[in-house]
Amino acid sequence: MSAVWRKSSRSNGAENSDCVEIALDGSAARIRDSKGRADATVAAPAWAAFLDTVKGDLFRR
């Protein structure tokens, strides 16, 4: 089965815009740049921790 890629909501919906895409399955998240198509795989717990950090606004200085 091929991955179902979703585009970031920050891409403004533009077809040719630079953005991040993600494909999720039960054990991992695959992340890629929409232009380069190279992707990285992150374990599901690490992806969940990253999202919690972003949602908690912990990257702000």
PDB file of N, CA and C in Angstrom:
ATOM      1  N   MET A   1       0.848  -1.182   0.000  1.00  0.00           N
ATOM      2  CA  MET A   1       0.000   0.000   0.000  1.00  0.00           C
ATOM      3  C   MET A   1       0.890   1.240   0.000  1.00  0.00           C
ATOM      4  N   SER A   2       0.566   2.197  -0.842  1.00  0.00           N
ATOM      5  CA  SER A   2       1.367   3.412  -0.892  1.00  0.00           C
ATOM      6  C   SER A   2       0.918   4.386   0.197  1.00  0.00           C
ATOM      7  N   ALA A   3       1.840   5.235   0.599  1.00  0.00           N
ATOM      8  CA  ALA A   3       1.565   6.212   1.647  1.00  0.00           C
ATOM      9  C   ALA A   3       0.572   7.257   1.155  1.00  0.00           C
ATOM     10  N   VAL A   4      -0.277   7.708   2.063  1.00  0.00           N
ATOM     11  CA  VAL A   4      -1.198   8.807   1.778  1.00  0.00           C
ATOM     12  C   VAL A   4      -0.581  10.057   2.401  1.00  0.00           C
ATOM     13  N   TRP A   5      -0.116  10.957   1.547  1.00  0.00           N
ATOM     14  CA  TRP A   5       0.574  12.160   1.998  1.00  0.00           C
ATOM     15  C   TRP A   5      -0.415  13.295   2.190  1.00  0.00           C
ATOM     16  N   ARG A   6      -0.256  14.026   3.307  1.00  0.00           N
ATOM     17  CA  ARG A   6      -1.071  15.207   3.592  1.00  0.00           C
ATOM     18  C   ARG A   6      -0.166  16.417   3.625  1.00  0.00           C
ATOM     19  N   LYS A   7      -0.638  17.507   3.058  1.00  0.00           N
ATOM     20  CA  LYS A   7       0.118  18.756   3.013  1.00  0.00           C
ATOM     21  C   LYS A   7      -0.154  19.577   4.271  1.00  0.00           C
ATOM     22  N   SER A   8       0.843  20.278   4.732  1.00  0.00           N
ATOM     23  CA  SER A   8       0.700  21.150   5.886  1.00  0.00           C
ATOM     24  C   SER A   8      -0.374  22.206   5.648  1.00  0.00           C
ATOM     25  N   SER A   9      -1.131  22.517   6.673  1.00  0.00           N
ATOM     26  CA  SER A   9      -2.135  23.582   6.563  1.00  0.00           C
ATOM     27  C   SER A   9      -1.472  24.943   6.382  1.00  0.00           C
ATOM     28  N   ARG A  10      -0.194  25.037   6.684  1.00  0.00           N
ATOM     29  CA  ARG A  10       0.555  26.287   6.515  1.00  0.00           C
ATOM     30  C   ARG A  10       0.973  26.535   5.068  1.00  0.00           C
ATOM     31  N   SER A  11       0.644  25.615   4.174  1.00  0.00           N
ATOM     32  CA  SER A  11       1.042  25.776   2.776  1.00  0.00           C
ATOM     33  C   SER A  11       0.127  26.724   2.021  1.00  0.00           C
ATOM     34  N   ASN A  12      -0.929  27.209   2.659  1.00  0.00           N
ATOM     35  CA  ASN A  12      -1.890  28.134   2.064  1.00  0.00           C
ATOM     36  C   ASN A  12      -2.628  27.535   0.880  1.00  0.00           C
ATOM     37  N   GLY A  13      -2.576  26.227   0.743  1.00  0.00           N
ATOM     38  CA  GLY A  13      -3.314  25.561  -0.315  1.00  0.00           C
ATOM     39  C   GLY A  13      -2.754  25.731  -1.710  1.00  0.00           C
ATOM     40  N   ALA A  14      -1.689  26.464  -1.861  1.00  0.00           N
ATOM     41  CA  ALA A  14      -1.112  26.681  -3.189  1.00  0.00           C
ATOM     42  C   ALA A  14      -0.463  25.394  -3.676  1.00  0.00           C
ATOM     43  N   GLU A  15      -0.756  25.011  -4.885  1.00  0.00           N
ATOM     44  CA  GLU A  15      -0.264  23.745  -5.426  1.00  0.00           C
ATOM     45  C   GLU A  15       1.252  23.695  -5.515  1.00  0.00           C
ATOM     46  N   ASN A  16       1.896  24.775  -5.887  1.00  0.00           N
ATOM     47  CA  ASN A  16       3.347  24.774  -6.081  1.00  0.00           C
ATOM     48  C   ASN A  16       4.117  25.435  -4.940  1.00  0.00           C
ATOM     49  N   SER A  17       3.496  25.583  -3.786  1.00  0.00           N
ATOM     50  CA  SER A  17       4.182  26.238  -2.680  1.00  0.00           C
ATOM     51  C   SER A  17       5.121  25.267  -1.971  1.00  0.00           C
ATOM     52  N   ASP A  18       6.147  25.812  -1.332  1.00  0.00           N
ATOM     53  CA  ASP A  18       7.039  24.999  -0.514  1.00  0.00           C
ATOM     54  C   ASP A  18       6.306  24.638   0.759  1.00  0.00           C
ATOM     55  N   CYS A  19       6.317  23.374   1.103  1.00  0.00           N
ATOM     56  CA  CYS A  19       5.624  22.983   2.327  1.00  0.00           C
ATOM     57  C   CYS A  19       6.128  21.631   2.804  1.00  0.00           C
ATOM     58  N   VAL A  20       5.601  21.235   3.921  1.00  0.00           N
ATOM     59  CA  VAL A  20       5.908  19.946   4.518  1.00  0.00           C
ATOM     60  C   VAL A  20       4.715  19.038   4.297  1.00  0.00           C
ATOM     61  N   GLU A  21       5.002  17.778   3.989  1.00  0.00           N
ATOM     62  CA  GLU A  21       3.955  16.778   3.860  1.00  0.00           C
ATOM     63  C   GLU A  21       4.256  15.646   4.826  1.00  0.00           C
ATOM     64  N   ILE A  22       3.206  14.959   5.270  1.00  0.00           N
ATOM     65  CA  ILE A  22       3.379  13.862   6.215  1.00  0.00           C
ATOM     66  C   ILE A  22       2.453  12.712   5.845  1.00  0.00           C
ATOM     67  N   ALA A  23       2.949  11.510   6.066  1.00  0.00           N
ATOM     68  CA  ALA A  23       2.148  10.298   5.913  1.00  0.00           C
ATOM     69  C   ALA A  23       2.272   9.523   7.218  1.00  0.00           C
ATOM     70  N   LEU A  24       1.157   9.158   7.808  1.00  0.00           N
ATOM     71  CA  LEU A  24       1.151   8.466   9.090  1.00  0.00           C
ATOM     72  C   LEU A  24       0.726   7.013   8.919  1.00  0.00           C
ATOM     73  N   ASP A  25       1.338   6.140   9.712  1.00  0.00           N
ATOM     74  CA  ASP A  25       0.827   4.789   9.869  1.00  0.00           C
ATOM     75  C   ASP A  25       0.895   4.481  11.356  1.00  0.00           C
ATOM     76  N   GLY A  26       0.591   3.308  11.765  1.00  0.00           N
ATOM     77  CA  GLY A  26       0.527   3.003  13.192  1.00  0.00           C
ATOM     78  C   GLY A  26       1.828   3.119  13.951  1.00  0.00           C
ATOM     79  N   SER A  27       2.955   2.913  13.278  1.00  0.00           N
ATOM     80  CA  SER A  27       4.223   2.862  13.994  1.00  0.00           C
ATOM     81  C   SER A  27       5.174   4.008  13.688  1.00  0.00           C
ATOM     82  N   ALA A  28       4.859   4.810  12.664  1.00  0.00           N
ATOM     83  CA  ALA A  28       5.799   5.845  12.269  1.00  0.00           C
ATOM     84  C   ALA A  28       5.115   6.984  11.525  1.00  0.00           C
ATOM     85  N   ALA A  29       5.846   8.084  11.438  1.00  0.00           N
ATOM     86  CA  ALA A  29       5.434   9.225  10.625  1.00  0.00           C
ATOM     87  C   ALA A  29       6.524   9.425   9.581  1.00  0.00           C
ATOM     88  N   ARG A  30       6.116   9.558   8.342  1.00  0.00           N
ATOM     89  CA  ARG A  30       7.061   9.882   7.271  1.00  0.00           C
ATOM     90  C   ARG A  30       6.857  11.343   6.923  1.00  0.00           C
ATOM     91  N   ILE A  31       7.945  12.082   6.871  1.00  0.00           N
ATOM     92  CA  ILE A  31       7.904  13.524   6.672  1.00  0.00           C
ATOM     93  C   ILE A  31       8.749  13.848   5.448  1.00  0.00           C
ATOM     94  N   ARG A  32       8.245  14.753   4.595  1.00  0.00           N
ATOM     95  CA  ARG A  32       9.017  15.133   3.423  1.00  0.00           C
ATOM     96  C   ARG A  32       8.767  16.581   3.041  1.00  0.00           C
ATOM     97  N   ASP A  33       9.708  17.118   2.306  1.00  0.00           N
ATOM     98  CA  ASP A  33       9.586  18.431   1.680  1.00  0.00           C
ATOM     99  C   ASP A  33       8.811  18.225   0.388  1.00  0.00           C
ATOM    100  N   SER A  34       7.856  19.057   0.113  1.00  0.00           N
ATOM    101  CA  SER A  34       7.015  18.863  -1.065  1.00  0.00           C
ATOM    102  C   SER A  34       7.780  19.020  -2.375  1.00  0.00           C
ATOM    103  N   LYS A  35       8.874  19.743  -2.357  1.00  0.00           N
ATOM    104  CA  LYS A  35       9.651  19.957  -3.578  1.00  0.00           C
ATOM    105  C   LYS A  35      10.679  18.851  -3.811  1.00  0.00           C
ATOM    106  N   GLY A  36      11.433  18.498  -2.776  1.00  0.00           N
ATOM    107  CA  GLY A  36      12.518  17.547  -2.938  1.00  0.00           C
ATOM    108  C   GLY A  36      12.087  16.099  -2.935  1.00  0.00           C
ATOM    109  N   ARG A  37      10.995  15.810  -2.306  1.00  0.00           N
ATOM    110  CA  ARG A  37      10.445  14.461  -2.203  1.00  0.00           C
ATOM    111  C   ARG A  37      11.286  13.481  -1.405  1.00  0.00           C
ATOM    112  N   ALA A  38      12.430  13.886  -0.891  1.00  0.00           N
ATOM    113  CA  ALA A  38      13.170  13.016   0.016  1.00  0.00           C
ATOM    114  C   ALA A  38      12.404  12.992   1.329  1.00  0.00           C
ATOM    115  N   ASP A  39      12.304  11.830   1.953  1.00  0.00           N
ATOM    116  CA  ASP A  39      11.550  11.790   3.193  1.00  0.00           C
ATOM    117  C   ASP A  39      12.358  11.160   4.314  1.00  0.00           C
ATOM    118  N   ALA A  40      11.915  11.428   5.526  1.00  0.00           N
ATOM    119  CA  ALA A  40      12.525  10.873   6.731  1.00  0.00           C
ATOM    120  C   ALA A  40      11.435  10.141   7.502  1.00  0.00           C
ATOM    121  N   THR A  41      11.815   9.111   8.213  1.00  0.00           N
ATOM    122  CA  THR A  41      10.861   8.343   9.018  1.00  0.00           C
ATOM    123  C   THR A  41      11.161   8.581  10.486  1.00  0.00           C
ATOM    124  N   VAL A  42      10.111   8.865  11.242  1.00  0.00           N
ATOM    125  CA  VAL A  42      10.217   9.132  12.678  1.00  0.00           C
ATOM    126  C   VAL A  42       9.276   8.178  13.399  1.00  0.00           C
ATOM    127  N   ALA A  43       9.738   7.557  14.464  1.00  0.00           N
ATOM    128  CA  ALA A  43       8.900   6.652  15.243  1.00  0.00           C
ATOM    129  C   ALA A  43       7.688   7.405  15.799  1.00  0.00           C
ATOM    130  N   ALA A  44       6.569   6.735  15.879  1.00  0.00           N
ATOM    131  CA  ALA A  44       5.321   7.365  16.326  1.00  0.00           C
ATOM    132  C   ALA A  44       5.454   8.071  17.679  1.00  0.00           C
ATOM    133  N   PRO A  45       6.095   7.473  18.695  1.00  0.00           N
ATOM    134  CA  PRO A  45       6.223   8.195  19.972  1.00  0.00           C
ATOM    135  C   PRO A  45       7.026   9.495  19.853  1.00  0.00           C
ATOM    136  N   ALA A  46       8.059   9.488  19.025  1.00  0.00           N
ATOM    137  CA  ALA A  46       8.858  10.704  18.836  1.00  0.00           C
ATOM    138  C   ALA A  46       8.034  11.768  18.113  1.00  0.00           C
ATOM    139  N   TRP A  47       7.232  11.368  17.130  1.00  0.00           N
ATOM    140  CA  TRP A  47       6.374  12.313  16.418  1.00  0.00           C
ATOM    141  C   TRP A  47       5.343  12.909  17.373  1.00  0.00           C
ATOM    142  N   ALA A  48       4.748  12.081  18.222  1.00  0.00           N
ATOM    143  CA  ALA A  48       3.767  12.569  19.195  1.00  0.00           C
ATOM    144  C   ALA A  48       4.406  13.559  20.161  1.00  0.00           C
ATOM    145  N   ALA A  49       5.622  13.285  20.608  1.00  0.00           N
ATOM    146  CA  ALA A  49       6.325  14.203  21.515  1.00  0.00           C
ATOM    147  C   ALA A  49       6.623  15.527  20.813  1.00  0.00           C
ATOM    148  N   PHE A  50       7.014  15.459  19.540  1.00  0.00           N
ATOM    149  CA  PHE A  50       7.261  16.682  18.773  1.00  0.00           C
ATOM    150  C   PHE A  50       5.991  17.515  18.674  1.00  0.00           C
ATOM    151  N   LEU A  51       4.871  16.884  18.336  1.00  0.00           N
ATOM    152  CA  LEU A  51       3.605  17.615  18.224  1.00  0.00           C
ATOM    153  C   LEU A  51       3.193  18.237  19.551  1.00  0.00           C
ATOM    154  N   ASP A  52       3.379  17.510  20.652  1.00  0.00           N
ATOM    155  CA  ASP A  52       3.061  18.074  21.974  1.00  0.00           C
ATOM    156  C   ASP A  52       3.912  19.313  22.255  1.00  0.00           C
ATOM    157  N   THR A  53       5.173  19.270  21.863  1.00  0.00           N
ATOM    158  CA  THR A  53       6.062  20.411  22.061  1.00  0.00           C
ATOM    159  C   THR A  53       5.596  21.605  21.243  1.00  0.00           C
ATOM    160  N   VAL A  54       5.249  21.361  19.981  1.00  0.00           N
ATOM    161  CA  VAL A  54       4.778  22.451  19.129  1.00  0.00           C
ATOM    162  C   VAL A  54       3.472  23.025  19.655  1.00  0.00           C
ATOM    163  N   LYS A  55       2.539  22.155  20.006  1.00  0.00           N
ATOM    164  CA  LYS A  55       1.248  22.609  20.515  1.00  0.00           C
ATOM    165  C   LYS A  55       1.381  23.349  21.832  1.00  0.00           C
ATOM    166  N   GLY A  56       2.379  22.975  22.630  1.00  0.00           N
ATOM    167  CA  GLY A  56       2.620  23.641  23.905  1.00  0.00           C
ATOM    168  C   GLY A  56       3.415  24.921  23.772  1.00  0.00           C
ATOM    169  N   ASP A  57       3.759  25.275  22.519  1.00  0.00           N
ATOM    170  CA  ASP A  57       4.473  26.509  22.228  1.00  0.00           C
ATOM    171  C   ASP A  57       5.832  26.558  22.932  1.00  0.00           C
ATOM    172  N   LEU A  58       6.459  25.420  23.063  1.00  0.00           N
ATOM    173  CA  LEU A  58       7.734  25.347  23.786  1.00  0.00           C
ATOM    174  C   LEU A  58       8.941  25.732  22.935  1.00  0.00           C
ATOM    175  N   PHE A  59       8.744  26.005  21.653  1.00  0.00           N
ATOM    176  CA  PHE A  59       9.847  26.432  20.802  1.00  0.00           C
ATOM    177  C   PHE A  59      10.086  27.924  20.861  1.00  0.00           C
ATOM    178  N   ARG A  60       9.136  28.668  21.386  1.00  0.00           N
ATOM    179  CA  ARG A  60       9.296  30.123  21.474  1.00  0.00           C
ATOM    180  C   ARG A  60      10.342  30.500  22.489  1.00  0.00           C
ATOM    181  N   ARG A  61      11.037  31.547  22.193  1.00  0.00           N
ATOM    182  CA  ARG A  61      12.051  32.041  23.145  1.00  0.00           C
ATOM    183  C   ARG A  61      11.570  33.296  23.790  1.00  0.00           C
TER     184      ARG A  61
END
